[in-house]
N, C-alpha and C. Protein backbone atom coordinates (compact mmCIF):
# COMPACT_ATOMS: atom_id res chain seq x y z
N MET A 1 0.82 -1.18 0.00
CA MET A 1 0.00 0.00 0.00
C MET A 1 0.88 1.27 0.00
N PHE A 2 1.89 1.34 0.83
CA PHE A 2 2.75 2.51 0.89
C PHE A 2 3.90 2.42 -0.10
N PHE A 3 4.28 1.21 -0.48
CA PHE A 3 5.43 1.05 -1.35
C PHE A 3 5.30 -0.29 -2.05
N ASP A 4 5.10 -0.25 -3.38
CA ASP A 4 4.99 -1.50 -4.13
C ASP A 4 6.36 -2.06 -4.48
N SER A 5 7.09 -1.27 -5.23
CA SER A 5 8.42 -1.71 -5.62
C SER A 5 9.22 -0.53 -6.14
N GLY A 6 10.50 -0.73 -6.20
CA GLY A 6 11.38 0.31 -6.73
C GLY A 6 11.12 0.58 -8.20
N SER A 7 10.75 -0.46 -8.94
CA SER A 7 10.50 -0.28 -10.37
C SER A 7 9.27 0.60 -10.61
N THR A 8 8.28 0.50 -9.73
CA THR A 8 7.09 1.35 -9.86
C THR A 8 7.46 2.81 -9.66
N LEU A 9 8.27 3.07 -8.63
CA LEU A 9 8.71 4.45 -8.40
C LEU A 9 9.59 4.95 -9.53
N LEU A 10 10.46 4.09 -10.03
CA LEU A 10 11.33 4.48 -11.14
C LEU A 10 10.50 4.79 -12.39
N ARG A 11 9.50 3.96 -12.67
CA ARG A 11 8.61 4.21 -13.82
C ARG A 11 7.92 5.55 -13.68
N THR A 12 7.39 5.84 -12.49
CA THR A 12 6.70 7.11 -12.25
C THR A 12 7.65 8.28 -12.46
N LEU A 13 8.87 8.17 -11.99
CA LEU A 13 9.87 9.22 -12.16
C LEU A 13 10.20 9.42 -13.63
N VAL A 14 10.53 8.36 -14.33
CA VAL A 14 10.94 8.46 -15.73
C VAL A 14 9.78 8.96 -16.61
N VAL A 15 8.61 8.34 -16.45
CA VAL A 15 7.46 8.74 -17.25
C VAL A 15 7.05 10.18 -16.91
N GLY A 16 7.12 10.54 -15.64
CA GLY A 16 6.77 11.89 -15.23
C GLY A 16 7.65 12.93 -15.89
N VAL A 17 8.94 12.72 -15.85
CA VAL A 17 9.88 13.67 -16.46
C VAL A 17 9.66 13.73 -17.97
N LEU A 18 9.58 12.57 -18.62
CA LEU A 18 9.42 12.55 -20.08
C LEU A 18 8.07 13.11 -20.52
N ALA A 19 7.00 12.81 -19.80
CA ALA A 19 5.67 13.33 -20.13
C ALA A 19 5.65 14.85 -19.95
N TYR A 20 6.27 15.32 -18.89
CA TYR A 20 6.34 16.76 -18.64
C TYR A 20 7.09 17.46 -19.77
N VAL A 21 8.24 16.93 -20.15
CA VAL A 21 9.03 17.52 -21.24
C VAL A 21 8.22 17.50 -22.54
N ALA A 22 7.54 16.40 -22.81
CA ALA A 22 6.73 16.29 -24.03
C ALA A 22 5.59 17.31 -24.01
N LEU A 23 4.92 17.46 -22.88
CA LEU A 23 3.81 18.40 -22.79
C LEU A 23 4.30 19.84 -22.99
N VAL A 24 5.38 20.21 -22.34
CA VAL A 24 5.92 21.56 -22.50
C VAL A 24 6.33 21.80 -23.95
N ALA A 25 6.98 20.83 -24.57
CA ALA A 25 7.41 20.97 -25.97
C ALA A 25 6.20 21.13 -26.89
N LEU A 26 5.17 20.32 -26.69
CA LEU A 26 3.97 20.43 -27.53
C LEU A 26 3.26 21.77 -27.33
N LEU A 27 3.19 22.23 -26.10
CA LEU A 27 2.56 23.52 -25.84
C LEU A 27 3.34 24.66 -26.48
N ARG A 28 4.66 24.58 -26.43
CA ARG A 28 5.48 25.62 -27.06
C ARG A 28 5.31 25.59 -28.58
N LEU A 29 5.24 24.40 -29.15
CA LEU A 29 5.07 24.27 -30.59
C LEU A 29 3.70 24.76 -31.06
N SER A 30 2.69 24.62 -30.20
CA SER A 30 1.33 24.97 -30.61
C SER A 30 1.08 26.46 -30.62
N GLY A 31 1.93 27.24 -30.00
CA GLY A 31 1.80 28.69 -30.04
C GLY A 31 1.18 29.28 -28.80
N LYS A 32 1.18 30.59 -28.75
CA LYS A 32 0.72 31.33 -27.58
C LYS A 32 -0.76 31.14 -27.30
N ARG A 33 -1.56 30.91 -28.32
CA ARG A 33 -3.00 30.82 -28.16
C ARG A 33 -3.39 29.68 -27.22
N THR A 34 -2.64 28.61 -27.24
CA THR A 34 -2.95 27.48 -26.37
C THR A 34 -2.82 27.86 -24.91
N LEU A 35 -1.96 28.80 -24.60
CA LEU A 35 -1.73 29.20 -23.22
C LEU A 35 -2.38 30.54 -22.87
N SER A 36 -3.28 31.02 -23.73
CA SER A 36 -3.89 32.32 -23.49
C SER A 36 -4.90 32.28 -22.36
N LYS A 37 -5.48 33.43 -22.06
CA LYS A 37 -6.51 33.47 -21.03
C LYS A 37 -7.63 32.52 -21.40
N TRP A 38 -8.21 31.93 -20.40
CA TRP A 38 -9.15 30.84 -20.63
C TRP A 38 -10.55 31.28 -20.96
N ASN A 39 -11.14 30.53 -21.88
CA ASN A 39 -12.58 30.52 -22.05
C ASN A 39 -13.00 29.08 -21.73
N ALA A 40 -14.25 28.74 -21.90
CA ALA A 40 -14.72 27.41 -21.51
C ALA A 40 -13.96 26.30 -22.25
N PHE A 41 -13.70 26.50 -23.54
CA PHE A 41 -13.00 25.50 -24.33
C PHE A 41 -11.58 25.28 -23.81
N ASP A 42 -10.89 26.36 -23.49
CA ASP A 42 -9.53 26.26 -22.97
C ASP A 42 -9.49 25.52 -21.64
N LEU A 43 -10.48 25.77 -20.80
CA LEU A 43 -10.55 25.10 -19.50
C LEU A 43 -10.70 23.59 -19.69
N VAL A 44 -11.56 23.17 -20.60
CA VAL A 44 -11.76 21.75 -20.86
C VAL A 44 -10.46 21.10 -21.32
N VAL A 45 -9.76 21.75 -22.23
CA VAL A 45 -8.50 21.20 -22.74
C VAL A 45 -7.46 21.11 -21.62
N THR A 46 -7.41 22.13 -20.77
CA THR A 46 -6.44 22.13 -19.68
C THR A 46 -6.72 21.03 -18.67
N VAL A 47 -7.98 20.83 -18.35
CA VAL A 47 -8.34 19.74 -17.44
C VAL A 47 -7.99 18.40 -18.08
N ALA A 48 -8.23 18.28 -19.38
CA ALA A 48 -7.88 17.04 -20.08
C ALA A 48 -6.37 16.80 -20.05
N PHE A 49 -5.56 17.87 -20.20
CA PHE A 49 -4.10 17.72 -20.08
C PHE A 49 -3.73 17.14 -18.73
N GLY A 50 -4.34 17.67 -17.68
CA GLY A 50 -4.06 17.18 -16.34
C GLY A 50 -4.44 15.72 -16.16
N SER A 51 -5.57 15.36 -16.72
CA SER A 51 -6.03 13.97 -16.62
C SER A 51 -5.09 13.02 -17.36
N VAL A 52 -4.68 13.43 -18.56
CA VAL A 52 -3.75 12.59 -19.33
C VAL A 52 -2.42 12.46 -18.60
N LEU A 53 -1.93 13.56 -18.05
CA LEU A 53 -0.66 13.51 -17.33
C LEU A 53 -0.77 12.58 -16.12
N ALA A 54 -1.85 12.70 -15.36
CA ALA A 54 -2.02 11.85 -14.19
C ALA A 54 -2.13 10.37 -14.59
N THR A 55 -2.88 10.11 -15.63
CA THR A 55 -3.03 8.72 -16.09
C THR A 55 -1.70 8.17 -16.57
N SER A 56 -0.96 8.99 -17.31
CA SER A 56 0.35 8.54 -17.81
C SER A 56 1.31 8.24 -16.66
N LEU A 57 1.23 9.06 -15.62
CA LEU A 57 2.13 8.87 -14.48
C LEU A 57 1.77 7.66 -13.63
N LEU A 58 0.49 7.46 -13.41
CA LEU A 58 0.08 6.51 -12.39
C LEU A 58 -0.47 5.18 -12.89
N SER A 59 -0.83 5.11 -14.15
CA SER A 59 -1.40 3.87 -14.66
C SER A 59 -0.35 3.04 -15.39
N ARG A 60 -0.17 1.84 -14.93
CA ARG A 60 0.78 0.93 -15.60
C ARG A 60 0.25 0.50 -16.97
N ASP A 61 -1.08 0.63 -17.14
CA ASP A 61 -1.69 0.21 -18.40
C ASP A 61 -1.55 1.25 -19.51
N THR A 62 -1.05 2.43 -19.16
CA THR A 62 -0.90 3.51 -20.14
C THR A 62 0.59 3.75 -20.37
N SER A 63 0.99 3.58 -21.62
CA SER A 63 2.41 3.78 -21.94
C SER A 63 2.71 5.26 -22.11
N LEU A 64 3.98 5.60 -22.04
CA LEU A 64 4.42 6.97 -22.28
C LEU A 64 4.00 7.42 -23.68
N ALA A 65 4.15 6.52 -24.66
CA ALA A 65 3.77 6.87 -26.04
C ALA A 65 2.28 7.20 -26.13
N GLN A 66 1.44 6.47 -25.41
CA GLN A 66 0.01 6.78 -25.41
C GLN A 66 -0.26 8.15 -24.77
N GLY A 67 0.44 8.43 -23.71
CA GLY A 67 0.27 9.72 -23.06
C GLY A 67 0.69 10.87 -23.96
N VAL A 68 1.85 10.73 -24.60
CA VAL A 68 2.34 11.77 -25.50
C VAL A 68 1.39 11.92 -26.69
N MET A 69 0.89 10.81 -27.21
CA MET A 69 -0.07 10.87 -28.31
C MET A 69 -1.36 11.58 -27.87
N SER A 70 -1.78 11.33 -26.65
CA SER A 70 -2.97 12.02 -26.12
C SER A 70 -2.73 13.52 -26.03
N PHE A 71 -1.56 13.92 -25.54
CA PHE A 71 -1.21 15.34 -25.50
C PHE A 71 -1.25 15.92 -26.92
N ALA A 72 -0.66 15.20 -27.86
CA ALA A 72 -0.62 15.69 -29.25
C ALA A 72 -2.02 15.83 -29.83
N VAL A 73 -2.90 14.90 -29.54
CA VAL A 73 -4.29 14.99 -30.02
C VAL A 73 -4.98 16.22 -29.43
N LEU A 74 -4.82 16.44 -28.13
CA LEU A 74 -5.44 17.61 -27.49
C LEU A 74 -4.89 18.92 -28.04
N VAL A 75 -3.58 19.00 -28.19
CA VAL A 75 -2.97 20.22 -28.75
C VAL A 75 -3.43 20.41 -30.19
N GLY A 76 -3.50 19.33 -30.95
CA GLY A 76 -3.96 19.41 -32.34
C GLY A 76 -5.41 19.88 -32.45
N LEU A 77 -6.26 19.34 -31.59
CA LEU A 77 -7.65 19.79 -31.58
C LEU A 77 -7.77 21.25 -31.18
N GLN A 78 -6.99 21.63 -30.18
CA GLN A 78 -6.99 23.03 -29.74
C GLN A 78 -6.55 23.94 -30.89
N TRP A 79 -5.51 23.54 -31.59
CA TRP A 79 -5.01 24.32 -32.72
C TRP A 79 -6.07 24.42 -33.81
N CYS A 80 -6.69 23.29 -34.14
CA CYS A 80 -7.72 23.28 -35.20
C CYS A 80 -8.92 24.17 -34.85
N ILE A 81 -9.40 24.04 -33.63
CA ILE A 81 -10.56 24.83 -33.22
C ILE A 81 -10.23 26.31 -33.22
N THR A 82 -9.06 26.69 -32.70
CA THR A 82 -8.71 28.11 -32.69
C THR A 82 -8.49 28.63 -34.12
N ARG A 83 -7.93 27.81 -34.97
CA ARG A 83 -7.73 28.20 -36.38
C ARG A 83 -9.09 28.39 -37.06
N LEU A 84 -10.01 27.45 -36.83
CA LEU A 84 -11.35 27.57 -37.40
C LEU A 84 -12.10 28.78 -36.85
N SER A 85 -11.90 29.07 -35.56
CA SER A 85 -12.61 30.20 -34.96
C SER A 85 -12.10 31.53 -35.50
N VAL A 86 -10.86 31.58 -35.94
CA VAL A 86 -10.34 32.79 -36.55
C VAL A 86 -10.93 32.97 -37.95
N ARG A 87 -11.13 31.87 -38.66
CA ARG A 87 -11.62 31.93 -40.04
C ARG A 87 -13.13 32.02 -40.15
N PHE A 88 -13.85 31.42 -39.19
CA PHE A 88 -15.30 31.34 -39.28
C PHE A 88 -15.95 31.89 -38.00
N PRO A 89 -16.62 33.03 -38.11
CA PRO A 89 -17.26 33.63 -36.93
C PRO A 89 -18.25 32.70 -36.22
N THR A 90 -18.90 31.82 -36.95
CA THR A 90 -19.84 30.88 -36.33
C THR A 90 -19.12 29.96 -35.35
N VAL A 91 -17.96 29.48 -35.73
CA VAL A 91 -17.17 28.63 -34.83
C VAL A 91 -16.72 29.43 -33.62
N GLU A 92 -16.30 30.67 -33.84
CA GLU A 92 -15.86 31.51 -32.73
C GLU A 92 -17.00 31.73 -31.74
N ARG A 93 -18.22 31.99 -32.25
CA ARG A 93 -19.37 32.18 -31.35
C ARG A 93 -19.68 30.90 -30.58
N TRP A 94 -19.43 29.74 -31.20
CA TRP A 94 -19.69 28.47 -30.54
C TRP A 94 -18.68 28.21 -29.43
N VAL A 95 -17.43 28.59 -29.67
CA VAL A 95 -16.36 28.30 -28.72
C VAL A 95 -16.26 29.36 -27.62
N LYS A 96 -16.46 30.61 -27.97
CA LYS A 96 -16.26 31.70 -27.01
C LYS A 96 -17.58 32.40 -26.70
N ALA A 97 -17.65 32.92 -25.50
CA ALA A 97 -18.78 33.76 -25.13
C ALA A 97 -18.57 35.15 -25.73
N GLU A 98 -19.64 35.91 -25.84
CA GLU A 98 -19.53 37.28 -26.31
C GLU A 98 -19.18 38.20 -25.15
N PRO A 99 -18.38 39.23 -25.40
CA PRO A 99 -18.20 40.24 -24.35
C PRO A 99 -19.53 40.96 -24.15
N ARG A 100 -19.80 41.42 -22.94
CA ARG A 100 -21.08 42.09 -22.67
C ARG A 100 -20.86 43.39 -21.91
N LEU A 101 -21.54 44.42 -22.37
CA LEU A 101 -21.51 45.72 -21.73
C LEU A 101 -22.34 45.66 -20.45
N LEU A 102 -21.73 46.08 -19.33
CA LEU A 102 -22.41 46.04 -18.03
C LEU A 102 -22.73 47.43 -17.49
N LEU A 103 -21.97 48.43 -17.92
CA LEU A 103 -22.17 49.80 -17.47
C LEU A 103 -21.85 50.71 -18.64
N VAL A 104 -22.65 51.74 -18.84
CA VAL A 104 -22.38 52.70 -19.90
C VAL A 104 -22.72 54.09 -19.39
N ASN A 105 -21.79 55.02 -19.59
CA ASN A 105 -21.97 56.42 -19.17
C ASN A 105 -22.41 56.52 -17.71
N GLY A 106 -21.80 55.73 -16.85
CA GLY A 106 -22.12 55.76 -15.43
C GLY A 106 -23.42 55.06 -15.06
N ARG A 107 -24.13 54.50 -16.05
CA ARG A 107 -25.42 53.85 -15.80
C ARG A 107 -25.24 52.33 -15.85
N VAL A 108 -25.62 51.67 -14.77
CA VAL A 108 -25.53 50.21 -14.69
C VAL A 108 -26.65 49.59 -15.51
N LEU A 109 -26.30 48.61 -16.33
CA LEU A 109 -27.29 47.88 -17.13
C LEU A 109 -27.75 46.65 -16.34
N GLU A 110 -28.84 46.83 -15.60
CA GLU A 110 -29.32 45.81 -14.66
C GLU A 110 -29.58 44.46 -15.32
N ASP A 111 -30.22 44.47 -16.50
CA ASP A 111 -30.51 43.21 -17.20
C ASP A 111 -29.22 42.45 -17.54
N ALA A 112 -28.22 43.19 -17.99
CA ALA A 112 -26.94 42.57 -18.33
C ALA A 112 -26.29 41.98 -17.08
N LEU A 113 -26.33 42.70 -15.97
CA LEU A 113 -25.77 42.18 -14.72
C LEU A 113 -26.44 40.88 -14.33
N ARG A 114 -27.78 40.88 -14.41
CA ARG A 114 -28.52 39.66 -14.03
C ARG A 114 -28.16 38.48 -14.94
N ARG A 115 -28.13 38.73 -16.24
CA ARG A 115 -27.81 37.65 -17.19
C ARG A 115 -26.41 37.07 -16.97
N GLU A 116 -25.48 37.94 -16.62
CA GLU A 116 -24.09 37.51 -16.45
C GLU A 116 -23.75 37.14 -15.00
N ARG A 117 -24.74 37.27 -14.11
CA ARG A 117 -24.56 36.94 -12.69
C ARG A 117 -23.40 37.74 -12.08
N VAL A 118 -23.46 39.05 -12.29
CA VAL A 118 -22.46 39.98 -11.76
C VAL A 118 -23.18 40.97 -10.85
N THR A 119 -22.53 41.36 -9.77
CA THR A 119 -23.12 42.33 -8.85
C THR A 119 -22.50 43.70 -9.06
N GLU A 120 -23.20 44.72 -8.58
CA GLU A 120 -22.65 46.08 -8.64
C GLU A 120 -21.38 46.19 -7.81
N THR A 121 -21.31 45.42 -6.74
CA THR A 121 -20.10 45.41 -5.91
C THR A 121 -18.89 44.96 -6.74
N GLU A 122 -19.09 43.96 -7.60
CA GLU A 122 -18.00 43.51 -8.46
C GLU A 122 -17.61 44.58 -9.48
N LEU A 123 -18.60 45.33 -9.97
CA LEU A 123 -18.28 46.44 -10.88
C LEU A 123 -17.43 47.50 -10.19
N ARG A 124 -17.83 47.86 -8.97
CA ARG A 124 -17.05 48.85 -8.23
C ARG A 124 -15.64 48.35 -7.95
N ALA A 125 -15.52 47.07 -7.63
CA ALA A 125 -14.19 46.49 -7.40
C ALA A 125 -13.34 46.57 -8.67
N ALA A 126 -13.94 46.31 -9.82
CA ALA A 126 -13.21 46.40 -11.09
C ALA A 126 -12.75 47.83 -11.34
N VAL A 127 -13.61 48.80 -11.02
CA VAL A 127 -13.25 50.21 -11.19
C VAL A 127 -12.09 50.57 -10.27
N ARG A 128 -12.19 50.16 -9.02
CA ARG A 128 -11.10 50.45 -8.06
C ARG A 128 -9.79 49.80 -8.49
N SER A 129 -9.88 48.57 -8.99
CA SER A 129 -8.65 47.86 -9.38
C SER A 129 -7.94 48.54 -10.54
N GLN A 130 -8.68 49.36 -11.30
CA GLN A 130 -8.08 50.12 -12.40
C GLN A 130 -7.62 51.50 -11.96
N GLY A 131 -7.77 51.81 -10.65
CA GLY A 131 -7.28 53.06 -10.11
C GLY A 131 -8.26 54.22 -10.14
N PHE A 132 -9.53 53.96 -10.44
CA PHE A 132 -10.54 55.01 -10.47
C PHE A 132 -11.25 55.06 -9.13
N THR A 133 -11.72 56.25 -8.78
CA THR A 133 -12.46 56.40 -7.52
C THR A 133 -13.91 56.80 -7.73
N ALA A 134 -14.28 57.20 -8.94
CA ALA A 134 -15.65 57.64 -9.20
C ALA A 134 -16.24 56.89 -10.39
N MET A 135 -17.41 56.31 -10.20
CA MET A 135 -18.10 55.60 -11.28
C MET A 135 -18.44 56.58 -12.41
N GLU A 136 -18.62 57.84 -12.08
CA GLU A 136 -18.96 58.85 -13.08
C GLU A 136 -17.83 59.08 -14.08
N ASP A 137 -16.63 58.68 -13.73
CA ASP A 137 -15.49 58.84 -14.63
C ASP A 137 -15.40 57.71 -15.66
N ILE A 138 -16.34 56.77 -15.57
CA ILE A 138 -16.27 55.57 -16.39
C ILE A 138 -17.25 55.66 -17.56
N GLU A 139 -16.74 55.45 -18.75
CA GLU A 139 -17.56 55.41 -19.97
C GLU A 139 -18.28 54.07 -20.05
N ALA A 140 -17.54 52.98 -19.78
CA ALA A 140 -18.13 51.66 -19.94
C ALA A 140 -17.34 50.63 -19.12
N ILE A 141 -18.05 49.57 -18.75
CA ILE A 141 -17.41 48.38 -18.19
C ILE A 141 -17.92 47.21 -19.00
N VAL A 142 -16.98 46.39 -19.47
CA VAL A 142 -17.29 45.24 -20.30
C VAL A 142 -16.84 43.98 -19.59
N LEU A 143 -17.72 42.98 -19.55
CA LEU A 143 -17.33 41.64 -19.09
C LEU A 143 -16.79 40.92 -20.31
N GLU A 144 -15.49 40.65 -20.32
CA GLU A 144 -14.84 40.06 -21.49
C GLU A 144 -15.10 38.55 -21.57
N THR A 145 -14.69 37.95 -22.68
CA THR A 145 -14.96 36.53 -22.92
C THR A 145 -14.26 35.62 -21.92
N ASP A 146 -13.18 36.11 -21.29
CA ASP A 146 -12.45 35.29 -20.33
C ASP A 146 -12.89 35.56 -18.89
N GLY A 147 -13.94 36.39 -18.71
CA GLY A 147 -14.44 36.69 -17.37
C GLY A 147 -13.81 37.92 -16.74
N ALA A 148 -12.84 38.53 -17.40
CA ALA A 148 -12.20 39.74 -16.87
C ALA A 148 -13.07 40.96 -17.18
N PHE A 149 -12.91 42.00 -16.37
CA PHE A 149 -13.62 43.25 -16.59
C PHE A 149 -12.69 44.24 -17.29
N SER A 150 -13.17 44.88 -18.34
CA SER A 150 -12.46 45.99 -18.96
C SER A 150 -13.17 47.27 -18.55
N VAL A 151 -12.42 48.19 -17.97
CA VAL A 151 -12.96 49.46 -17.51
C VAL A 151 -12.44 50.54 -18.45
N ILE A 152 -13.36 51.26 -19.09
CA ILE A 152 -12.99 52.28 -20.06
C ILE A 152 -13.40 53.64 -19.50
N ARG A 153 -12.42 54.52 -19.34
CA ARG A 153 -12.72 55.84 -18.77
C ARG A 153 -13.28 56.76 -19.84
N GLN A 154 -13.96 57.80 -19.41
CA GLN A 154 -14.59 58.74 -20.33
C GLN A 154 -13.54 59.57 -21.05
N HIS A 155 -13.74 59.70 -22.36
CA HIS A 155 -12.86 60.53 -23.18
C HIS A 155 -13.64 61.56 -23.97
N GLY A 156 -14.94 61.36 -24.10
CA GLY A 156 -15.75 62.27 -24.89
C GLY A 156 -15.66 62.00 -26.38
N SER A 157 -15.04 60.90 -26.77
CA SER A 157 -14.95 60.56 -28.19
C SER A 157 -15.68 59.25 -28.43
N THR A 158 -15.77 58.87 -29.69
CA THR A 158 -16.43 57.63 -30.05
C THR A 158 -15.67 56.45 -29.44
N VAL A 159 -16.43 55.51 -28.91
CA VAL A 159 -15.81 54.35 -28.27
C VAL A 159 -15.86 53.19 -29.26
N SER A 160 -14.97 53.20 -30.25
CA SER A 160 -14.99 52.21 -31.31
C SER A 160 -14.57 50.82 -30.83
N ALA A 161 -13.90 50.73 -29.69
CA ALA A 161 -13.49 49.42 -29.18
C ALA A 161 -14.69 48.61 -28.69
N LEU A 162 -15.85 49.25 -28.58
CA LEU A 162 -17.04 48.54 -28.09
C LEU A 162 -17.91 47.97 -29.21
N CYS A 163 -17.52 48.13 -30.46
CA CYS A 163 -18.40 47.75 -31.57
C CYS A 163 -18.77 46.27 -31.57
N ASP A 164 -17.94 45.39 -31.02
CA ASP A 164 -18.26 43.95 -31.01
C ASP A 164 -18.79 43.47 -29.66
N VAL A 165 -19.16 44.40 -28.79
CA VAL A 165 -19.62 44.06 -27.45
C VAL A 165 -21.14 44.04 -27.44
N LYS A 166 -21.69 42.96 -26.90
CA LYS A 166 -23.14 42.84 -26.81
C LYS A 166 -23.68 43.97 -25.94
N GLY A 167 -24.64 44.72 -26.46
CA GLY A 167 -25.22 45.83 -25.73
C GLY A 167 -24.57 47.16 -26.04
N HIS A 168 -23.60 47.22 -26.97
CA HIS A 168 -22.89 48.47 -27.25
C HIS A 168 -23.81 49.56 -27.80
N GLU A 169 -24.92 49.15 -28.36
CA GLU A 169 -25.82 50.16 -28.91
C GLU A 169 -26.37 51.06 -27.80
N ALA A 170 -26.27 50.65 -26.55
CA ALA A 170 -26.70 51.48 -25.41
C ALA A 170 -25.80 52.70 -25.23
N THR A 171 -24.62 52.68 -25.84
CA THR A 171 -23.72 53.82 -25.72
C THR A 171 -24.18 54.99 -26.57
N GLY A 172 -25.02 54.69 -27.59
CA GLY A 172 -25.49 55.74 -28.49
C GLY A 172 -24.43 56.21 -29.45
N GLN A 173 -23.38 55.42 -29.63
CA GLN A 173 -22.28 55.82 -30.52
C GLN A 173 -22.07 54.80 -31.61
């Protein structure tokens, strides 16, 4: 129970090191997008990486080659989906959530908050974290696709960065 054999520990050590090196190499080869901020799809792939690594390390029935092949399949699928999402907006909408406007011109959009399950307290925290002290100084707050808040201060000019944000028509620009 506490110790099976030296060969079991040696296998775990060797497979662990080699699987780790293979995973890092595959992630580096796949590009920055694989390691970007997470959306739901990225989270699933990351959890799957962890599962494959654990299985490769601890299961005698899974060879190192199977583990590395599993990593390669996941990285390949991630690459294909991100490539398709860049080329086809329908795929992007399927994989990623839309950014949503939560506050515009100092006015909280209550329906948007409810839909996104965000509180006004969280909005104020996002404003403070960006160094602002007054909600009136804020043109807009956007809940981004990765769950982060973007706080945009008032400039008095057109806010063209909001054109792809759900609810941007509330800005009147």
